[in-house]
N, C-alpha and C. Protein backbone atom coordinates (compact mmCIF):
# COMPACT_ATOMS: atom_id res chain seq x y z
N MET A 1 -5.76 5.15 -7.76
CA MET A 1 -5.13 4.44 -6.65
C MET A 1 -3.78 3.93 -7.14
N ASN A 2 -2.72 4.25 -6.40
CA ASN A 2 -1.39 3.82 -6.83
C ASN A 2 -1.02 2.46 -6.23
N ARG A 3 0.10 1.93 -6.70
CA ARG A 3 0.52 0.58 -6.29
C ARG A 3 0.70 0.46 -4.78
N ASP A 4 1.25 1.49 -4.15
CA ASP A 4 1.45 1.45 -2.70
C ASP A 4 0.12 1.38 -1.95
N GLU A 5 -0.86 2.14 -2.42
CA GLU A 5 -2.18 2.12 -1.79
C GLU A 5 -2.86 0.77 -1.99
N ILE A 6 -2.72 0.22 -3.19
CA ILE A 6 -3.28 -1.11 -3.46
C ILE A 6 -2.64 -2.14 -2.54
N THR A 7 -1.31 -2.07 -2.43
CA THR A 7 -0.58 -3.02 -1.59
C THR A 7 -1.02 -2.91 -0.14
N GLU A 8 -1.14 -1.70 0.36
CA GLU A 8 -1.55 -1.48 1.75
C GLU A 8 -2.95 -2.05 2.00
N ASP A 9 -3.88 -1.76 1.10
CA ASP A 9 -5.25 -2.27 1.26
C ASP A 9 -5.28 -3.80 1.14
N LEU A 10 -4.51 -4.34 0.19
CA LEU A 10 -4.47 -5.78 0.00
C LEU A 10 -3.89 -6.48 1.23
N ILE A 11 -2.83 -5.94 1.79
CA ILE A 11 -2.25 -6.53 3.00
C ILE A 11 -3.28 -6.53 4.13
N GLY A 12 -4.06 -5.47 4.22
CA GLY A 12 -5.13 -5.43 5.22
C GLY A 12 -6.16 -6.53 5.00
N ILE A 13 -6.55 -6.74 3.75
CA ILE A 13 -7.53 -7.78 3.42
C ILE A 13 -6.95 -9.16 3.72
N LEU A 14 -5.74 -9.42 3.25
CA LEU A 14 -5.10 -10.72 3.48
C LEU A 14 -4.93 -10.99 4.97
N SER A 15 -4.50 -9.99 5.71
CA SER A 15 -4.29 -10.14 7.15
C SER A 15 -5.58 -10.47 7.87
N GLU A 16 -6.63 -9.76 7.51
CA GLU A 16 -7.93 -9.99 8.16
C GLU A 16 -8.50 -11.35 7.79
N GLN A 17 -8.53 -11.66 6.51
CA GLN A 17 -9.15 -12.91 6.05
C GLN A 17 -8.38 -14.15 6.49
N ALA A 18 -7.04 -14.05 6.49
CA ALA A 18 -6.21 -15.22 6.84
C ALA A 18 -5.74 -15.19 8.28
N ASP A 19 -6.22 -14.20 9.05
CA ASP A 19 -5.85 -14.06 10.46
C ASP A 19 -4.32 -14.01 10.62
N LEU A 20 -3.70 -13.06 9.91
CA LEU A 20 -2.25 -12.90 9.93
C LEU A 20 -1.88 -11.54 10.51
N ASP A 21 -0.68 -11.46 11.03
CA ASP A 21 -0.11 -10.18 11.44
C ASP A 21 0.28 -9.45 10.16
N PRO A 22 -0.19 -8.22 9.95
CA PRO A 22 0.15 -7.50 8.72
C PRO A 22 1.66 -7.40 8.48
N ALA A 23 2.45 -7.40 9.53
CA ALA A 23 3.90 -7.32 9.38
C ALA A 23 4.47 -8.57 8.72
N GLU A 24 3.73 -9.67 8.77
CA GLU A 24 4.18 -10.93 8.16
C GLU A 24 3.92 -10.97 6.65
N VAL A 25 3.07 -10.08 6.15
CA VAL A 25 2.67 -10.10 4.74
C VAL A 25 3.54 -9.12 3.97
N ARG A 26 4.35 -9.67 3.06
CA ARG A 26 5.22 -8.85 2.22
C ARG A 26 4.88 -9.10 0.76
N GLN A 27 5.35 -8.23 -0.11
CA GLN A 27 5.07 -8.42 -1.54
C GLN A 27 5.65 -9.72 -2.07
N ASP A 28 6.76 -10.15 -1.50
CA ASP A 28 7.38 -11.39 -1.99
C ASP A 28 6.91 -12.63 -1.24
N SER A 29 5.86 -12.48 -0.43
CA SER A 29 5.29 -13.62 0.28
C SER A 29 4.51 -14.50 -0.68
N SER A 30 4.74 -15.81 -0.60
CA SER A 30 3.96 -16.77 -1.37
C SER A 30 2.61 -16.94 -0.66
N LEU A 31 1.54 -16.86 -1.43
CA LEU A 31 0.21 -16.99 -0.83
C LEU A 31 0.03 -18.36 -0.19
N VAL A 32 0.49 -19.40 -0.87
CA VAL A 32 0.28 -20.77 -0.38
C VAL A 32 1.33 -21.18 0.65
N ILE A 33 2.59 -20.96 0.32
CA ILE A 33 3.67 -21.46 1.19
C ILE A 33 3.87 -20.58 2.42
N ASP A 34 4.06 -19.28 2.20
CA ASP A 34 4.37 -18.38 3.33
C ASP A 34 3.14 -18.03 4.16
N LEU A 35 2.03 -17.75 3.47
CA LEU A 35 0.83 -17.28 4.18
C LEU A 35 -0.17 -18.39 4.45
N GLU A 36 0.09 -19.58 3.90
CA GLU A 36 -0.74 -20.76 4.12
C GLU A 36 -2.21 -20.53 3.76
N ILE A 37 -2.42 -19.88 2.61
CA ILE A 37 -3.78 -19.64 2.14
C ILE A 37 -4.17 -20.78 1.22
N ASP A 38 -5.22 -21.51 1.59
CA ASP A 38 -5.67 -22.62 0.76
C ASP A 38 -6.67 -22.11 -0.28
N SER A 39 -7.11 -22.99 -1.16
CA SER A 39 -7.96 -22.58 -2.28
C SER A 39 -9.31 -22.02 -1.82
N LEU A 40 -9.88 -22.58 -0.78
CA LEU A 40 -11.15 -22.08 -0.27
C LEU A 40 -11.00 -20.67 0.29
N LEU A 41 -9.95 -20.45 1.06
CA LEU A 41 -9.71 -19.13 1.62
C LEU A 41 -9.39 -18.13 0.50
N LEU A 42 -8.70 -18.58 -0.52
CA LEU A 42 -8.38 -17.69 -1.64
C LEU A 42 -9.65 -17.20 -2.32
N VAL A 43 -10.63 -18.08 -2.46
CA VAL A 43 -11.91 -17.67 -3.06
C VAL A 43 -12.55 -16.57 -2.21
N GLU A 44 -12.55 -16.73 -0.90
CA GLU A 44 -13.11 -15.72 -0.01
C GLU A 44 -12.34 -14.41 -0.13
N ILE A 45 -11.03 -14.50 -0.24
CA ILE A 45 -10.19 -13.31 -0.36
C ILE A 45 -10.48 -12.60 -1.68
N VAL A 46 -10.62 -13.36 -2.76
CA VAL A 46 -10.91 -12.78 -4.07
C VAL A 46 -12.23 -12.03 -4.03
N VAL A 47 -13.24 -12.60 -3.40
CA VAL A 47 -14.54 -11.93 -3.28
C VAL A 47 -14.37 -10.61 -2.53
N GLU A 48 -13.62 -10.63 -1.46
CA GLU A 48 -13.38 -9.41 -0.68
C GLU A 48 -12.61 -8.38 -1.51
N ILE A 49 -11.61 -8.83 -2.25
CA ILE A 49 -10.82 -7.92 -3.10
C ILE A 49 -11.73 -7.28 -4.16
N GLU A 50 -12.56 -8.10 -4.80
CA GLU A 50 -13.44 -7.58 -5.84
C GLU A 50 -14.41 -6.54 -5.28
N GLU A 51 -14.94 -6.79 -4.11
CA GLU A 51 -15.86 -5.84 -3.49
C GLU A 51 -15.12 -4.57 -3.07
N HIS A 52 -13.95 -4.73 -2.47
CA HIS A 52 -13.19 -3.58 -1.96
C HIS A 52 -12.71 -2.66 -3.08
N PHE A 53 -12.15 -3.26 -4.13
CA PHE A 53 -11.56 -2.47 -5.20
C PHE A 53 -12.53 -2.21 -6.36
N GLY A 54 -13.67 -2.88 -6.38
CA GLY A 54 -14.63 -2.69 -7.46
C GLY A 54 -14.14 -3.24 -8.78
N VAL A 55 -13.42 -4.36 -8.72
CA VAL A 55 -12.88 -4.99 -9.93
C VAL A 55 -13.36 -6.43 -10.01
N THR A 56 -13.16 -7.03 -11.18
CA THR A 56 -13.41 -8.44 -11.36
C THR A 56 -12.09 -9.09 -11.73
N LEU A 57 -11.69 -10.06 -10.96
CA LEU A 57 -10.43 -10.76 -11.23
C LEU A 57 -10.74 -12.08 -11.92
N PRO A 58 -10.13 -12.31 -13.09
CA PRO A 58 -10.38 -13.57 -13.81
C PRO A 58 -9.86 -14.76 -13.02
N LYS A 59 -10.76 -15.67 -12.69
CA LYS A 59 -10.39 -16.81 -11.82
C LYS A 59 -9.34 -17.72 -12.46
N LYS A 60 -9.40 -17.90 -13.79
CA LYS A 60 -8.43 -18.76 -14.45
C LYS A 60 -7.02 -18.19 -14.32
N GLU A 61 -6.89 -16.88 -14.51
CA GLU A 61 -5.58 -16.24 -14.37
C GLU A 61 -5.08 -16.34 -12.94
N LEU A 62 -5.97 -16.18 -12.01
CA LEU A 62 -5.56 -16.27 -10.60
C LEU A 62 -4.98 -17.63 -10.30
N ALA A 63 -5.63 -18.66 -10.79
CA ALA A 63 -5.18 -20.02 -10.52
C ALA A 63 -3.83 -20.30 -11.19
N GLU A 64 -3.59 -19.70 -12.35
CA GLU A 64 -2.38 -20.00 -13.10
C GLU A 64 -1.23 -19.04 -12.81
N ASP A 65 -1.54 -17.76 -12.60
CA ASP A 65 -0.50 -16.72 -12.56
C ASP A 65 -0.18 -16.17 -11.18
N ILE A 66 -1.01 -16.40 -10.22
CA ILE A 66 -0.82 -15.76 -8.92
C ILE A 66 -0.09 -16.70 -7.97
N GLN A 67 1.10 -16.32 -7.60
CA GLN A 67 1.88 -17.08 -6.63
C GLN A 67 2.23 -16.21 -5.42
N LEU A 68 2.54 -14.96 -5.70
CA LEU A 68 3.02 -14.04 -4.66
C LEU A 68 2.02 -12.91 -4.43
N VAL A 69 2.15 -12.25 -3.31
CA VAL A 69 1.32 -11.07 -3.03
C VAL A 69 1.52 -10.04 -4.14
N ALA A 70 2.75 -9.85 -4.61
CA ALA A 70 3.04 -8.89 -5.68
C ALA A 70 2.28 -9.22 -6.96
N ASP A 71 2.11 -10.51 -7.26
CA ASP A 71 1.34 -10.91 -8.44
C ASP A 71 -0.11 -10.45 -8.31
N LEU A 72 -0.64 -10.59 -7.14
CA LEU A 72 -2.02 -10.18 -6.89
C LEU A 72 -2.16 -8.66 -7.00
N VAL A 73 -1.19 -7.94 -6.47
CA VAL A 73 -1.19 -6.47 -6.58
C VAL A 73 -1.18 -6.06 -8.06
N THR A 74 -0.36 -6.72 -8.85
CA THR A 74 -0.28 -6.41 -10.27
C THR A 74 -1.61 -6.65 -10.98
N HIS A 75 -2.28 -7.76 -10.67
CA HIS A 75 -3.58 -8.04 -11.28
C HIS A 75 -4.62 -7.00 -10.88
N ILE A 76 -4.61 -6.59 -9.63
CA ILE A 76 -5.55 -5.55 -9.18
C ILE A 76 -5.25 -4.25 -9.89
N GLU A 77 -3.98 -3.90 -9.97
CA GLU A 77 -3.55 -2.66 -10.62
C GLU A 77 -4.00 -2.65 -12.09
N LYS A 78 -3.82 -3.76 -12.80
CA LYS A 78 -4.25 -3.85 -14.20
C LYS A 78 -5.77 -3.75 -14.32
N SER A 79 -6.48 -4.38 -13.42
CA SER A 79 -7.94 -4.33 -13.45
C SER A 79 -8.47 -2.92 -13.19
N LEU A 80 -7.82 -2.20 -12.31
CA LEU A 80 -8.23 -0.82 -12.03
C LEU A 80 -7.94 0.09 -13.20
N ALA A 81 -6.87 -0.19 -13.93
CA ALA A 81 -6.49 0.64 -15.08
C ALA A 81 -7.38 0.40 -16.29
N ALA A 82 -8.01 -0.76 -16.33
CA ALA A 82 -8.82 -1.13 -17.52
C ALA A 82 -10.13 -0.37 -17.56
């Protein structure tokens, strides 16, 4: 799965879980500020991502390193490559 496919699938997940228009979700969108995703919703999104992509995302890294949609794409991409 390439980065574009990951991004497309992730935007679908974020849009569905956060009730957003997919056109509003960009790689440079801040999860908290732009998309207004709170910590509880982020947990639900992470569960959906893990099920969809078949990966495990380290929760500590997510809390510390994930600010933008692109950051999340990168973590998924690394997890798939491992």
